[in-house]
Amino acid sequence: MARLSPPTVVFLDIRMPGASGFDLVEKIPSGTRVVFVTAYSEYALRAFEANASTT
């Protein structure tokens, strides 16, 4: 479904079974806004470096 109609916004958790949000963000097309959701403050800077949305 995502290939037929690419999303404009993706919400990712940092820690997920089998992969991290950082692993998945590399596979998301450019131009797609990414919002990382996490309870771990130490991942915030890394999320911004991975082009997560600031808005």
PDB file of N, CA and C in Angstrom:
ATOM      1  N   MET A   1       0.811  -1.176   0.000  1.00  0.00           N
ATOM      2  CA  MET A   1       0.000   0.000   0.000  1.00  0.00           C
ATOM      3  C   MET A   1       0.868   1.259   0.000  1.00  0.00           C
ATOM      4  N   ALA A   2       1.947   1.248   0.781  1.00  0.00           N
ATOM      5  CA  ALA A   2       2.823   2.414   0.841  1.00  0.00           C
ATOM      6  C   ALA A   2       3.516   2.668  -0.490  1.00  0.00           C
ATOM      7  N   ARG A   3       3.716   1.637  -1.277  1.00  0.00           N
ATOM      8  CA  ARG A   3       4.343   1.830  -2.589  1.00  0.00           C
ATOM      9  C   ARG A   3       3.382   2.471  -3.579  1.00  0.00           C
ATOM     10  N   LEU A   4       2.099   2.161  -3.460  1.00  0.00           N
ATOM     11  CA  LEU A   4       1.100   2.727  -4.364  1.00  0.00           C
ATOM     12  C   LEU A   4       0.775   4.170  -4.014  1.00  0.00           C
ATOM     13  N   SER A   5       0.764   4.471  -2.745  1.00  0.00           N
ATOM     14  CA  SER A   5       0.448   5.820  -2.273  1.00  0.00           C
ATOM     15  C   SER A   5       1.400   6.160  -1.130  1.00  0.00           C
ATOM     16  N   PRO A   6       2.594   6.675  -1.456  1.00  0.00           N
ATOM     17  CA  PRO A   6       3.594   6.944  -0.420  1.00  0.00           C
ATOM     18  C   PRO A   6       3.066   7.904   0.646  1.00  0.00           C
ATOM     19  N   PRO A   7       3.360   7.628   1.903  1.00  0.00           N
ATOM     20  CA  PRO A   7       2.890   8.504   2.979  1.00  0.00           C
ATOM     21  C   PRO A   7       3.641   9.831   2.976  1.00  0.00           C
ATOM     22  N   THR A   8       3.007  10.857   3.501  1.00  0.00           N
ATOM     23  CA  THR A   8       3.670  12.154   3.637  1.00  0.00           C
ATOM     24  C   THR A   8       4.295  12.306   5.015  1.00  0.00           C
ATOM     25  N   VAL A   9       3.785  11.538   5.987  1.00  0.00           N
ATOM     26  CA  VAL A   9       4.311  11.554   7.352  1.00  0.00           C
ATOM     27  C   VAL A   9       4.403  10.119   7.853  1.00  0.00           C
ATOM     28  N   VAL A  10       5.510   9.804   8.524  1.00  0.00           N
ATOM     29  CA  VAL A  10       5.706   8.477   9.104  1.00  0.00           C
ATOM     30  C   VAL A  10       6.084   8.659  10.574  1.00  0.00           C
ATOM     31  N   PHE A  11       5.402   7.936  11.455  1.00  0.00           N
ATOM     32  CA  PHE A  11       5.744   7.919  12.873  1.00  0.00           C
ATOM     33  C   PHE A  11       6.510   6.634  13.149  1.00  0.00           C
ATOM     34  N   LEU A  12       7.705   6.769  13.716  1.00  0.00           N
ATOM     35  CA  LEU A  12       8.537   5.606  14.018  1.00  0.00           C
ATOM     36  C   LEU A  12       8.942   5.613  15.479  1.00  0.00           C
ATOM     37  N   ASP A  13       8.913   4.447  16.083  1.00  0.00           N
ATOM     38  CA  ASP A  13       9.486   4.294  17.414  1.00  0.00           C
ATOM     39  C   ASP A  13      10.968   4.003  17.219  1.00  0.00           C
ATOM     40  N   ILE A  14      11.775   4.410  18.158  1.00  0.00           N
ATOM     41  CA  ILE A  14      13.205   4.126  18.067  1.00  0.00           C
ATOM     42  C   ILE A  14      13.454   2.634  18.246  1.00  0.00           C
ATOM     43  N   ARG A  15      12.815   2.043  19.241  1.00  0.00           N
ATOM     44  CA  ARG A  15      13.029   0.628  19.545  1.00  0.00           C
ATOM     45  C   ARG A  15      11.814  -0.174  19.128  1.00  0.00           C
ATOM     46  N   MET A  16      12.024  -1.062  18.160  1.00  0.00           N
ATOM     47  CA  MET A  16      10.961  -1.937  17.669  1.00  0.00           C
ATOM     48  C   MET A  16      11.529  -3.342  17.524  1.00  0.00           C
ATOM     49  N   PRO A  17      10.688  -4.350  17.549  1.00  0.00           N
ATOM     50  CA  PRO A  17      11.179  -5.717  17.360  1.00  0.00           C
ATOM     51  C   PRO A  17      11.763  -5.897  15.956  1.00  0.00           C
ATOM     52  N   GLY A  18      12.964  -6.387  15.878  1.00  0.00           N
ATOM     53  CA  GLY A  18      13.560  -6.711  14.590  1.00  0.00           C
ATOM     54  C   GLY A  18      14.321  -5.594  13.908  1.00  0.00           C
ATOM     55  N   ALA A  19      14.021  -4.346  14.209  1.00  0.00           N
ATOM     56  CA  ALA A  19      14.719  -3.219  13.580  1.00  0.00           C
ATOM     57  C   ALA A  19      14.495  -1.980  14.428  1.00  0.00           C
ATOM     58  N   SER A  20      15.343  -1.002  14.226  1.00  0.00           N
ATOM     59  CA  SER A  20      15.133   0.262  14.932  1.00  0.00           C
ATOM     60  C   SER A  20      14.543   1.280  13.962  1.00  0.00           C
ATOM     61  N   GLY A  21      14.005   2.329  14.506  1.00  0.00           N
ATOM     62  CA  GLY A  21      13.503   3.413  13.665  1.00  0.00           C
ATOM     63  C   GLY A  21      14.609   3.991  12.802  1.00  0.00           C
ATOM     64  N   PHE A  22      15.838   3.986  13.326  1.00  0.00           N
ATOM     65  CA  PHE A  22      16.969   4.487  12.549  1.00  0.00           C
ATOM     66  C   PHE A  22      17.258   3.596  11.341  1.00  0.00           C
ATOM     67  N   ASP A  23      17.049   2.297  11.481  1.00  0.00           N
ATOM     68  CA  ASP A  23      17.224   1.389  10.344  1.00  0.00           C
ATOM     69  C   ASP A  23      16.178   1.673   9.271  1.00  0.00           C
ATOM     70  N   LEU A  24      14.953   1.889   9.702  1.00  0.00           N
ATOM     71  CA  LEU A  24      13.861   2.091   8.751  1.00  0.00           C
ATOM     72  C   LEU A  24      13.891   3.454   8.072  1.00  0.00           C
ATOM     73  N   VAL A  25      14.360   4.481   8.769  1.00  0.00           N
ATOM     74  CA  VAL A  25      14.330   5.829   8.190  1.00  0.00           C
ATOM     75  C   VAL A  25      15.197   5.909   6.928  1.00  0.00           C
ATOM     76  N   GLU A  26      16.210   5.072   6.847  1.00  0.00           N
ATOM     77  CA  GLU A  26      17.069   5.057   5.658  1.00  0.00           C
ATOM     78  C   GLU A  26      16.334   4.537   4.427  1.00  0.00           C
ATOM     79  N   LYS A  27      15.236   3.814   4.620  1.00  0.00           N
ATOM     80  CA  LYS A  27      14.484   3.227   3.508  1.00  0.00           C
ATOM     81  C   LYS A  27      13.281   4.073   3.097  1.00  0.00           C
ATOM     82  N   ILE A  28      13.028   5.141   3.821  1.00  0.00           N
ATOM     83  CA  ILE A  28      11.871   5.997   3.546  1.00  0.00           C
ATOM     84  C   ILE A  28      12.257   7.018   2.485  1.00  0.00           C
ATOM     85  N   PRO A  29      11.414   7.226   1.489  1.00  0.00           N
ATOM     86  CA  PRO A  29      11.739   8.179   0.423  1.00  0.00           C
ATOM     87  C   PRO A  29      11.987   9.586   0.961  1.00  0.00           C
ATOM     88  N   SER A  30      12.929  10.294   0.333  1.00  0.00           N
ATOM     89  CA  SER A  30      13.173  11.671   0.739  1.00  0.00           C
ATOM     90  C   SER A  30      11.915  12.496   0.485  1.00  0.00           C
ATOM     91  N   GLY A  31      11.724  13.501   1.288  1.00  0.00           N
ATOM     92  CA  GLY A  31      10.526  14.312   1.185  1.00  0.00           C
ATOM     93  C   GLY A  31       9.428  13.867   2.124  1.00  0.00           C
ATOM     94  N   THR A  32       9.561  12.672   2.688  1.00  0.00           N
ATOM     95  CA  THR A  32       8.597  12.167   3.660  1.00  0.00           C
ATOM     96  C   THR A  32       9.006  12.668   5.041  1.00  0.00           C
ATOM     97  N   ARG A  33       8.085  13.281   5.745  1.00  0.00           N
ATOM     98  CA  ARG A  33       8.389  13.746   7.102  1.00  0.00           C
ATOM     99  C   ARG A  33       8.412  12.547   8.040  1.00  0.00           C
ATOM    100  N   VAL A  34       9.412  12.530   8.920  1.00  0.00           N
ATOM    101  CA  VAL A  34       9.560  11.440   9.879  1.00  0.00           C
ATOM    102  C   VAL A  34       9.467  12.015  11.286  1.00  0.00           C
ATOM    103  N   VAL A  35       8.628  11.419  12.096  1.00  0.00           N
ATOM    104  CA  VAL A  35       8.497  11.797  13.501  1.00  0.00           C
ATOM    105  C   VAL A  35       8.904  10.585  14.326  1.00  0.00           C
ATOM    106  N   PHE A  36       9.975  10.742  15.104  1.00  0.00           N
ATOM    107  CA  PHE A  36      10.407   9.668  15.984  1.00  0.00           C
ATOM    108  C   PHE A  36       9.681   9.794  17.316  1.00  0.00           C
ATOM    109  N   VAL A  37       9.240   8.665  17.822  1.00  0.00           N
ATOM    110  CA  VAL A  37       8.571   8.605  19.118  1.00  0.00           C
ATOM    111  C   VAL A  37       9.433   7.731  20.016  1.00  0.00           C
ATOM    112  N   THR A  38       9.848   8.280  21.158  1.00  0.00           N
ATOM    113  CA  THR A  38      10.689   7.502  22.054  1.00  0.00           C
ATOM    114  C   THR A  38      10.608   8.030  23.471  1.00  0.00           C
ATOM    115  N   ALA A  39      10.846   7.174  24.410  1.00  0.00           N
ATOM    116  CA  ALA A  39      10.930   7.572  25.814  1.00  0.00           C
ATOM    117  C   ALA A  39      12.382   7.803  26.217  1.00  0.00           C
ATOM    118  N   TYR A  40      13.304   7.666  25.270  1.00  0.00           N
ATOM    119  CA  TYR A  40      14.726   7.765  25.554  1.00  0.00           C
ATOM    120  C   TYR A  40      15.278   9.088  25.041  1.00  0.00           C
ATOM    121  N   SER A  41      15.551  10.021  25.942  1.00  0.00           N
ATOM    122  CA  SER A  41      16.012  11.351  25.543  1.00  0.00           C
ATOM    123  C   SER A  41      17.363  11.315  24.837  1.00  0.00           C
ATOM    124  N   GLU A  42      18.169  10.310  25.104  1.00  0.00           N
ATOM    125  CA  GLU A  42      19.491  10.249  24.477  1.00  0.00           C
ATOM    126  C   GLU A  42      19.423  10.023  22.966  1.00  0.00           C
ATOM    127  N   TYR A  43      18.262   9.624  22.456  1.00  0.00           N
ATOM    128  CA  TYR A  43      18.115   9.409  21.022  1.00  0.00           C
ATOM    129  C   TYR A  43      17.662  10.660  20.271  1.00  0.00           C
ATOM    130  N   ALA A  44      17.321  11.721  20.966  1.00  0.00           N
ATOM    131  CA  ALA A  44      16.761  12.914  20.316  1.00  0.00           C
ATOM    132  C   ALA A  44      17.722  13.503  19.289  1.00  0.00           C
ATOM    133  N   LEU A  45      18.974  13.734  19.642  1.00  0.00           N
ATOM    134  CA  LEU A  45      19.935  14.320  18.711  1.00  0.00           C
ATOM    135  C   LEU A  45      20.140  13.421  17.503  1.00  0.00           C
ATOM    136  N   ARG A  46      20.253  12.146  17.725  1.00  0.00           N
ATOM    137  CA  ARG A  46      20.441  11.210  16.609  1.00  0.00           C
ATOM    138  C   ARG A  46      19.235  11.237  15.674  1.00  0.00           C
ATOM    139  N   ALA A  47      18.043  11.410  16.223  1.00  0.00           N
ATOM    140  CA  ALA A  47      16.837  11.490  15.393  1.00  0.00           C
ATOM    141  C   ALA A  47      16.890  12.713  14.485  1.00  0.00           C
ATOM    142  N   PHE A  48      17.320  13.852  15.005  1.00  0.00           N
ATOM    143  CA  PHE A  48      17.437  15.048  14.169  1.00  0.00           C
ATOM    144  C   PHE A  48      18.497  14.861  13.088  1.00  0.00           C
ATOM    145  N   GLU A  49      19.581  14.189  13.419  1.00  0.00           N
ATOM    146  CA  GLU A  49      20.624  13.915  12.431  1.00  0.00           C
ATOM    147  C   GLU A  49      20.109  13.004  11.324  1.00  0.00           C
ATOM    148  N   ALA A  50      19.099  12.194  11.628  1.00  0.00           N
ATOM    149  CA  ALA A  50      18.504  11.288  10.640  1.00  0.00           C
ATOM    150  C   ALA A  50      17.358  11.964   9.897  1.00  0.00           C
ATOM    151  N   ASN A  51      17.305  13.293   9.975  1.00  0.00           N
ATOM    152  CA  ASN A  51      16.314  14.105   9.255  1.00  0.00           C
ATOM    153  C   ASN A  51      14.899  13.967   9.784  1.00  0.00           C
ATOM    154  N   ALA A  52      14.747  13.739  11.060  1.00  0.00           N
ATOM    155  CA  ALA A  52      13.406  13.737  11.642  1.00  0.00           C
ATOM    156  C   ALA A  52      12.851  15.150  11.613  1.00  0.00           C
ATOM    157  N   SER A  53      11.567  15.248  11.575  1.00  0.00           N
ATOM    158  CA  SER A  53      10.912  16.547  11.488  1.00  0.00           C
ATOM    159  C   SER A  53      11.041  17.316  12.790  1.00  0.00           C
ATOM    160  N   THR A  54      11.266  18.618  12.678  1.00  0.00           N
ATOM    161  CA  THR A  54      11.308  19.491  13.847  1.00  0.00           C
ATOM    162  C   THR A  54      10.006  20.251  13.995  1.00  0.00           C
ATOM    163  N   THR A  55       9.063  20.025  13.085  1.00  0.00           N
ATOM    164  CA  THR A  55       7.779  20.734  13.150  1.00  0.00           C
ATOM    165  C   THR A  55       6.651  19.768  13.355  1.00  0.00           C
TER     166      THR A  55
END
